[in-house]
Amino acid sequence: MTDDDAPLTDDPRLAAGLEHLQRAAREMIAASRALLDVAEELVEDPKAAAGVVDLLGSLADRRGPVPSGADEDDDDPDPPVQRIPVS
């Protein structure tokens, strides 16, 4: 068997990459479970949902008002959306 015929799993870079992907997938699964636990608690206890809404509202209040004219940019000659005709 030549080096070209060797299985891809013999490549240490591939093995390391696969390990990182598996670790990331496990972290995503754990985060999803935690989010579902919180969602279930909010469904079961409406008072908890009200507390979360109050918390989010207080965080929004701390941010302060958006300065007027912050989104206006008259110096930009290009429109925000470019239409491309397709024939």
C-alpha atoms as a PDB file:
ATOM      1  CA  MET A   1       0.000   0.000   0.000  1.00  0.00           C
ATOM      2  CA  THR A   2       1.405   3.419  -0.949  1.00  0.00           C
ATOM      3  CA  ASP A   3       0.968   6.683   0.930  1.00  0.00           C
ATOM      4  CA  ASP A   4      -1.746   7.658  -1.545  1.00  0.00           C
ATOM      5  CA  ASP A   5      -3.739   4.549  -0.600  1.00  0.00           C
ATOM      6  CA  ALA A   6      -3.545   5.214   3.174  1.00  0.00           C
ATOM      7  CA  PRO A   7      -6.839   5.958   4.887  1.00  0.00           C
ATOM      8  CA  LEU A   8      -7.544   9.623   5.553  1.00  0.00           C
ATOM      9  CA  THR A   9      -7.761   8.934   9.288  1.00  0.00           C
ATOM     10  CA  ASP A  10      -3.991   8.458   9.358  1.00  0.00           C
ATOM     11  CA  ASP A  11      -3.542  12.186   8.708  1.00  0.00           C
ATOM     12  CA  PRO A  12      -3.008  13.866  12.109  1.00  0.00           C
ATOM     13  CA  ARG A  13      -4.402  17.156  10.790  1.00  0.00           C
ATOM     14  CA  LEU A  14      -7.637  15.466   9.805  1.00  0.00           C
ATOM     15  CA  ALA A  15      -7.858  13.699  13.159  1.00  0.00           C
ATOM     16  CA  ALA A  16      -7.281  16.994  15.010  1.00  0.00           C
ATOM     17  CA  GLY A  17      -9.865  18.775  12.869  1.00  0.00           C
ATOM     18  CA  LEU A  18     -12.409  16.036  13.463  1.00  0.00           C
ATOM     19  CA  GLU A  19     -11.746  16.187  17.199  1.00  0.00           C
ATOM     20  CA  HIS A  20     -12.343  19.955  17.221  1.00  0.00           C
ATOM     21  CA  LEU A  21     -15.573  19.565  15.239  1.00  0.00           C
ATOM     22  CA  GLN A  22     -16.822  16.879  17.616  1.00  0.00           C
ATOM     23  CA  ARG A  23     -16.012  19.058  20.630  1.00  0.00           C
ATOM     24  CA  ALA A  24     -17.815  22.017  19.041  1.00  0.00           C
ATOM     25  CA  ALA A  25     -20.836  19.851  18.249  1.00  0.00           C
ATOM     26  CA  ARG A  26     -20.990  18.638  21.862  1.00  0.00           C
ATOM     27  CA  GLU A  27     -20.828  22.242  23.096  1.00  0.00           C
ATOM     28  CA  MET A  28     -23.643  23.229  20.730  1.00  0.00           C
ATOM     29  CA  ILE A  29     -25.758  20.334  21.973  1.00  0.00           C
ATOM     30  CA  ALA A  30     -25.116  21.316  25.604  1.00  0.00           C
ATOM     31  CA  ALA A  31     -25.993  24.949  24.869  1.00  0.00           C
ATOM     32  CA  SER A  32     -29.184  23.877  23.097  1.00  0.00           C
ATOM     33  CA  ARG A  33     -30.194  21.742  26.063  1.00  0.00           C
ATOM     34  CA  ALA A  34     -29.598  24.661  28.435  1.00  0.00           C
ATOM     35  CA  LEU A  35     -31.687  26.942  26.215  1.00  0.00           C
ATOM     36  CA  LEU A  36     -34.488  24.377  26.081  1.00  0.00           C
ATOM     37  CA  ASP A  37     -34.397  24.053  29.884  1.00  0.00           C
ATOM     38  CA  VAL A  38     -34.842  27.819  30.207  1.00  0.00           C
ATOM     39  CA  ALA A  39     -37.630  27.824  27.618  1.00  0.00           C
ATOM     40  CA  GLU A  40     -39.406  25.015  29.460  1.00  0.00           C
ATOM     41  CA  GLU A  41     -39.132  26.929  32.736  1.00  0.00           C
ATOM     42  CA  LEU A  42     -40.598  30.038  31.096  1.00  0.00           C
ATOM     43  CA  VAL A  43     -43.526  28.017  29.746  1.00  0.00           C
ATOM     44  CA  GLU A  44     -44.177  26.375  33.109  1.00  0.00           C
ATOM     45  CA  ASP A  45     -43.819  29.567  35.193  1.00  0.00           C
ATOM     46  CA  PRO A  46     -45.277  32.732  33.644  1.00  0.00           C
ATOM     47  CA  LYS A  47     -43.876  34.792  36.541  1.00  0.00           C
ATOM     48  CA  ALA A  48     -40.389  33.804  35.427  1.00  0.00           C
ATOM     49  CA  ALA A  49     -41.220  35.000  31.910  1.00  0.00           C
ATOM     50  CA  ALA A  50     -42.350  38.350  33.320  1.00  0.00           C
ATOM     51  CA  GLY A  51     -39.054  38.600  35.189  1.00  0.00           C
ATOM     52  CA  VAL A  52     -37.095  37.995  31.997  1.00  0.00           C
ATOM     53  CA  VAL A  53     -39.117  40.637  30.160  1.00  0.00           C
ATOM     54  CA  ASP A  54     -38.470  43.116  32.992  1.00  0.00           C
ATOM     55  CA  LEU A  55     -34.755  42.320  32.875  1.00  0.00           C
ATOM     56  CA  LEU A  56     -34.591  42.842  29.119  1.00  0.00           C
ATOM     57  CA  GLY A  57     -36.506  46.092  29.466  1.00  0.00           C
ATOM     58  CA  SER A  58     -34.104  47.406  32.087  1.00  0.00           C
ATOM     59  CA  LEU A  59     -31.146  46.486  29.879  1.00  0.00           C
ATOM     60  CA  ALA A  60     -32.723  48.368  26.991  1.00  0.00           C
ATOM     61  CA  ASP A  61     -33.265  51.402  29.232  1.00  0.00           C
ATOM     62  CA  ARG A  62     -29.594  51.398  30.239  1.00  0.00           C
ATOM     63  CA  ARG A  63     -28.567  51.553  26.602  1.00  0.00           C
ATOM     64  CA  GLY A  64     -30.155  54.940  26.272  1.00  0.00           C
ATOM     65  CA  PRO A  65     -31.813  56.594  23.313  1.00  0.00           C
ATOM     66  CA  VAL A  66     -30.461  56.245  19.809  1.00  0.00           C
ATOM     67  CA  PRO A  67     -29.044  59.575  18.613  1.00  0.00           C
ATOM     68  CA  SER A  68     -31.219  61.216  15.987  1.00  0.00           C
ATOM     69  CA  GLY A  69     -29.806  60.976  12.502  1.00  0.00           C
ATOM     70  CA  ALA A  70     -27.621  58.013  13.422  1.00  0.00           C
ATOM     71  CA  ASP A  71     -28.957  55.945  10.544  1.00  0.00           C
ATOM     72  CA  GLU A  72     -28.900  58.753   7.994  1.00  0.00           C
ATOM     73  CA  ASP A  73     -25.895  58.715   5.686  1.00  0.00           C
ATOM     74  CA  ASP A  74     -26.348  61.212   2.861  1.00  0.00           C
ATOM     75  CA  ASP A  75     -22.708  60.868   1.766  1.00  0.00           C
ATOM     76  CA  ASP A  76     -23.255  57.324   0.452  1.00  0.00           C
ATOM     77  CA  PRO A  77     -24.057  57.548  -3.292  1.00  0.00           C
ATOM     78  CA  ASP A  78     -24.994  53.864  -3.564  1.00  0.00           C
ATOM     79  CA  PRO A  79     -28.528  52.807  -2.659  1.00  0.00           C
ATOM     80  CA  PRO A  80     -28.797  50.212   0.131  1.00  0.00           C
ATOM     81  CA  VAL A  81     -30.141  47.605  -2.302  1.00  0.00           C
ATOM     82  CA  GLN A  82     -28.737  46.961  -5.733  1.00  0.00           C
ATOM     83  CA  ARG A  83     -31.188  45.470  -8.205  1.00  0.00           C
ATOM     84  CA  ILE A  84     -29.634  43.156 -10.774  1.00  0.00           C
ATOM     85  CA  PRO A  85     -31.812  42.325 -13.791  1.00  0.00           C
ATOM     86  CA  VAL A  86     -31.890  38.654 -14.698  1.00  0.00           C
ATOM     87  CA  SER A  87     -32.916  37.634 -18.187  1.00  0.00           C
END
